[in-house]
Each structure stands twice: as C-alpha cells, then as structure tokens.
Protein backbone atom coordinates (compact mmCIF):
# COMPACT_ATOMS: atom_id res chain seq x y z
CA UNK A 1 11.78 4.77 3.20
CA UNK A 2 13.80 2.13 0.89
CA UNK A 3 13.71 -1.66 1.68
CA UNK A 4 14.68 -4.62 0.01
CA UNK A 5 10.81 -5.38 -0.75
CA UNK A 6 10.48 -2.18 -2.56
CA UNK A 7 13.25 -3.10 -4.98
CA UNK A 8 11.41 -6.47 -5.47
CA UNK A 9 8.13 -4.82 -6.26
CA UNK A 10 7.45 -5.56 -10.34
CA UNK A 11 7.35 -2.63 -12.63
CA UNK A 12 4.00 -1.14 -12.80
CA UNK A 13 1.72 -0.65 -15.73
CA UNK A 14 -0.07 2.43 -14.18
CA UNK A 15 1.39 4.61 -11.98
CA UNK A 16 -1.10 7.34 -10.45
CA UNK A 17 0.19 9.81 -7.75
CA UNK A 18 -2.06 11.25 -5.47
CA UNK A 19 -1.58 14.89 -4.49
CA UNK A 20 1.23 15.19 -1.72
CA UNK A 21 1.71 11.41 -1.97
CA UNK A 22 3.69 12.09 -5.23
CA UNK A 23 6.63 12.73 -2.80
CA UNK A 24 6.90 8.90 -2.57
CA UNK A 25 7.42 8.50 -6.17
CA UNK A 26 9.94 11.08 -6.08
CA UNK A 27 11.84 9.20 -3.45
CA UNK A 28 11.68 5.88 -5.74
CA UNK A 29 13.28 7.80 -8.24
CA UNK A 30 10.64 7.59 -10.87
CA UNK A 31 11.11 9.60 -14.32
CA UNK A 32 9.50 13.13 -14.46
CA UNK A 33 8.98 13.21 -10.84
CA UNK A 34 11.07 15.35 -8.09
CA UNK A 35 11.12 18.41 -6.08
CA UNK A 36 11.32 21.50 -8.53
CA UNK A 37 14.89 22.34 -9.35
CA UNK A 38 16.31 18.81 -8.55
CA UNK A 39 16.60 18.00 -12.18
CA UNK A 40 15.86 14.22 -13.22
CA UNK A 41 15.57 11.98 -10.50
CA UNK A 42 16.66 8.95 -12.12
CA UNK A 43 15.79 5.78 -13.95
CA UNK A 44 12.36 4.00 -13.29
CA UNK A 45 8.80 4.31 -14.40
CA UNK A 46 6.61 7.38 -15.20
CA UNK A 47 3.81 8.81 -13.60
CA UNK A 48 0.71 8.52 -15.81
CA UNK A 49 -1.65 10.97 -13.94
CA UNK A 50 -1.42 12.85 -10.86
CA UNK A 51 -4.99 13.20 -9.08
CA UNK A 52 -6.03 15.08 -6.17
CA UNK A 53 -7.34 18.43 -4.76
CA UNK A 54 -3.76 19.45 -4.40
CA UNK A 55 -3.98 20.97 -1.03
CA UNK A 56 -0.59 19.08 0.22
CA UNK A 57 1.82 18.89 -2.81
CA UNK A 58 3.71 22.64 -2.31
CA UNK A 59 7.12 22.12 -3.54
CA UNK A 60 6.33 18.74 -5.50
CA UNK A 61 6.63 18.80 -9.30
CA UNK A 62 5.15 15.73 -11.26
CA UNK A 63 5.61 15.63 -15.13
CA UNK A 64 2.30 14.05 -15.75
CA UNK A 65 -1.47 15.18 -16.58
CA UNK A 66 -3.12 16.52 -13.54
CA UNK A 67 -6.76 15.62 -12.52
CA UNK A 68 -7.79 18.46 -10.20
CA UNK A 69 -10.56 17.63 -7.88
CA UNK A 70 -12.25 19.96 -5.06
CA UNK A 71 -11.32 20.09 -1.73
CA UNK A 72 -15.00 19.26 -0.55
CA UNK A 73 -15.30 15.74 -2.06
CA UNK A 74 -16.63 12.53 -0.69
CA UNK A 75 -13.28 10.40 -1.52
CA UNK A 76 -9.75 10.78 -0.26
CA UNK A 77 -7.13 11.47 -3.04
CA UNK A 78 -6.03 7.96 -2.36
CA UNK A 79 -9.45 6.72 -3.16
CA UNK A 80 -9.36 8.90 -6.35
CA UNK A 81 -6.00 7.57 -7.13
CA UNK A 82 -7.43 3.80 -6.80
CA UNK A 83 -10.54 4.64 -8.91
CA UNK A 84 -8.32 5.91 -11.51
CA UNK A 85 -5.94 3.13 -11.64
CA UNK A 86 -8.99 0.67 -11.97
CA UNK A 87 -10.47 2.72 -14.42
CA UNK A 88 -6.99 2.31 -16.67
CA UNK A 89 -7.28 -1.61 -16.14
CA UNK A 90 -5.50 -2.25 -12.65
CA UNK A 91 -5.76 -5.56 -11.48
CA UNK A 92 -3.25 -5.43 -8.63
CA UNK A 93 -2.57 -2.33 -6.52
CA UNK A 94 0.46 -1.20 -4.71
CA UNK A 95 -0.30 1.94 -2.54
CA UNK A 96 2.89 3.72 -1.41
CA UNK A 97 2.91 5.82 1.57
CA UNK A 98 -0.17 4.07 2.96
CA UNK A 99 1.07 3.93 6.79
CA UNK A 100 2.99 7.70 6.69
CA UNK A 101 1.28 10.43 8.27
CA UNK A 102 -2.38 10.51 9.10
CA UNK A 103 -3.84 7.52 11.07
CA UNK A 104 -7.38 8.16 9.81
CA UNK A 105 -6.06 7.94 6.24
CA UNK A 106 -3.88 4.71 6.80
CA UNK A 107 -7.19 3.15 8.57
CA UNK A 108 -9.00 4.02 5.67
CA UNK A 109 -6.72 2.70 3.23
CA UNK A 110 -6.27 -0.58 5.30
CA UNK A 111 -9.89 -1.19 5.44
CA UNK A 112 -10.50 -0.07 1.64
CA UNK A 113 -7.78 -2.58 0.82
CA UNK A 114 -9.67 -5.07 2.76
CA UNK A 115 -12.84 -4.26 0.81
CA UNK A 116 -11.21 -4.46 -2.40
CA UNK A 117 -9.77 -7.83 -1.77
CA UNK A 118 -12.88 -9.43 -0.34
CA UNK A 119 -15.59 -7.97 -2.41
CA UNK A 120 -13.62 -7.67 -6.04
CA UNK A 121 -10.97 -10.09 -5.40
CA UNK A 122 -8.24 -7.78 -5.93
CA UNK A 123 -4.47 -8.29 -4.50
CA UNK A 124 -3.43 -5.06 -2.75
CA UNK A 125 -0.31 -4.18 -1.08
CA UNK A 126 0.11 -1.36 1.10
CA UNK A 127 3.60 -0.15 2.19
CA UNK A 128 5.47 2.84 3.63
CA UNK A 129 8.93 1.01 2.90
CA UNK A 130 9.70 -0.11 6.04
CA UNK A 131 5.86 -1.46 7.08
CA UNK A 132 3.94 -3.47 4.90
CA UNK A 133 0.40 -4.58 4.93
CA UNK A 134 -1.77 -7.25 2.92
CA UNK A 135 -5.53 -7.88 3.26
CA UNK A 136 -5.90 -11.39 4.50
CA UNK A 137 -9.67 -12.70 3.49
CA UNK A 138 -10.94 -16.48 3.36
CA UNK A 139 -10.86 -15.94 -0.24
CA UNK A 140 -7.34 -14.40 -0.58
CA UNK A 141 -5.01 -16.61 1.62
CA UNK A 142 -1.40 -15.19 1.57
CA UNK A 143 1.94 -17.02 0.99
CA UNK A 144 4.84 -14.23 1.40
CA UNK A 145 8.22 -14.06 1.16
CA UNK A 146 9.60 -12.06 4.17
CA UNK A 147 12.98 -11.97 5.62
CA UNK A 148 13.82 -13.85 8.44
CA UNK A 149 13.79 -11.59 11.94
CA UNK A 150 11.06 -9.29 10.19
CA UNK A 151 8.24 -8.79 12.67
CA UNK A 152 4.77 -9.97 11.36
CA UNK A 153 1.70 -9.12 12.75
CA UNK A 154 -2.13 -10.35 11.87
CA UNK A 155 -4.72 -7.70 12.78
CA UNK A 156 -8.03 -9.10 13.45
CA UNK A 157 -10.62 -6.51 12.09
CA UNK A 158 -13.32 -9.23 12.71
CA UNK A 159 -13.26 -12.43 14.41
CA UNK A 160 -10.94 -14.69 12.82
CA UNK A 161 -11.70 -18.54 12.21
CA UNK A 162 -9.21 -21.24 11.19
CA UNK A 163 -6.06 -19.01 11.14
CA UNK A 164 -3.03 -20.82 10.34
CA UNK A 165 0.53 -19.18 10.29
CA UNK A 166 3.59 -21.03 9.14
CA UNK A 167 7.23 -20.07 8.98
CA UNK A 168 7.10 -17.93 12.38
CA UNK A 169 8.38 -18.24 15.60
CA UNK A 170 4.68 -18.90 16.89
CA UNK A 171 3.05 -20.97 14.37
CA UNK A 172 -0.85 -21.39 14.57
CA UNK A 173 -3.22 -24.25 13.01
CA UNK A 174 -6.63 -23.46 12.65
CA UNK A 175 -7.08 -21.14 15.65
CA UNK A 176 -9.51 -18.56 16.15
CA UNK A 177 -8.79 -15.20 16.97
CA UNK A 178 -11.36 -12.51 18.46
CA UNK A 179 -11.70 -9.00 17.09
CA UNK A 180 -8.80 -6.60 18.15
CA UNK A 181 -7.06 -9.31 19.85
CA UNK A 182 -3.31 -8.63 20.39
CA UNK A 183 -2.53 -12.68 20.20
CA UNK A 184 -1.33 -12.30 16.56
CA UNK A 185 0.71 -8.91 17.00
CA UNK A 186 4.67 -9.09 16.66
CA UNK A 187 5.29 -12.32 15.73
CA UNK A 188 8.90 -13.42 14.22
CA UNK A 189 9.51 -14.63 10.70
CA UNK A 190 11.77 -17.70 10.87
CA UNK A 191 12.31 -17.83 6.89
CA UNK A 192 10.55 -19.07 3.95
CA UNK A 193 7.08 -18.68 3.02
C-alpha cells in the first residue's frame, strides 16, 4: 500500500528482493521489476539481487541476479535478504512488506529487527505501507516525524523502564511498562516530533 512515508524513504544503496516479497518492489515501481508481460514498471531504483527458495514468487519477474537457496533451510527468505544486504555494506535496513501475510514471519522480522538494533546498532524500519515499526531500545531512542492523527503504539516485548513519549495525546514521562501491556497501544499523534 502506498503512503506519504514510503515516498519519503531515502534512495537505497542496495536493494535485495526476498522471494515473493519482490511483489512489493513491483508496487513501488522499481526499475526492472514487475509481473511478466507488464512492461517497464516506472522510474525508481533497481534490484541488486533476488534471494530465496522461490516457492512464493510465481508470476513475478525481477531483472536481477538470483541467489537460490533450498526450501529446507535455517533462515527465512527475509533473513537471507538481510544477510545479503549487510554483506553488501548496508548500515540501515528498510524491510518492505514486513507486516503483510503470515503472523509468524511478521513477528520474526520484528524480533530480528530488535536484535539488529540492540546488538549491532543498526537502524531498522519495518513497513507494509500503512503500518510502520521501529525497534526501540535504550541504546537507540527514536524521534519520528509522524502525521497528526496517526495511531502510535509502543509494544513492550520486555519490561520497559523509563519510557517517555511526547507529541501524543497521552504523553508519558519516565513510565514503567510491563511486558505485553496494552497501556501504550493506540495513542494518537498530535504533531511534531
């Protein structure tokens, strides 16, 4: 799904498509990406490599080198794409299509993004166009430009200590939030950072 936040993403240095996730690249109008027979899909960036076991990419064409892996493997196709991007020098990751489809894959990506931010200091953005996520750790505080009226949630995947939120309808200052609490779900952005 298109959104103003997608349009604001910086032009990437490395683009890695993960199996059927290449459909997201086609929706963004990247060069050389589209459904067979659709012709050129618009201006944009090119895909550098297409990775995966290719079990979910029927009907998708990507004009990029393919890195084929067996279906029986220890990583998801998204994890393969992240590894390839990092091997090619990526220091910031934007994972498109992160919340669409299967819950197990979305949760794995979210927890993996948290690990990458916490352990490796990477900035990671997860999006499906209409939903966005960023890992929040003590070592990686966030300041975001979010449109007024947007819903903002902080999902506590551990006990949180000292959480502060500003620019929202229900601000918090140095709050302790228990694991899995709904207290910080569905806040409303008021504007600004």
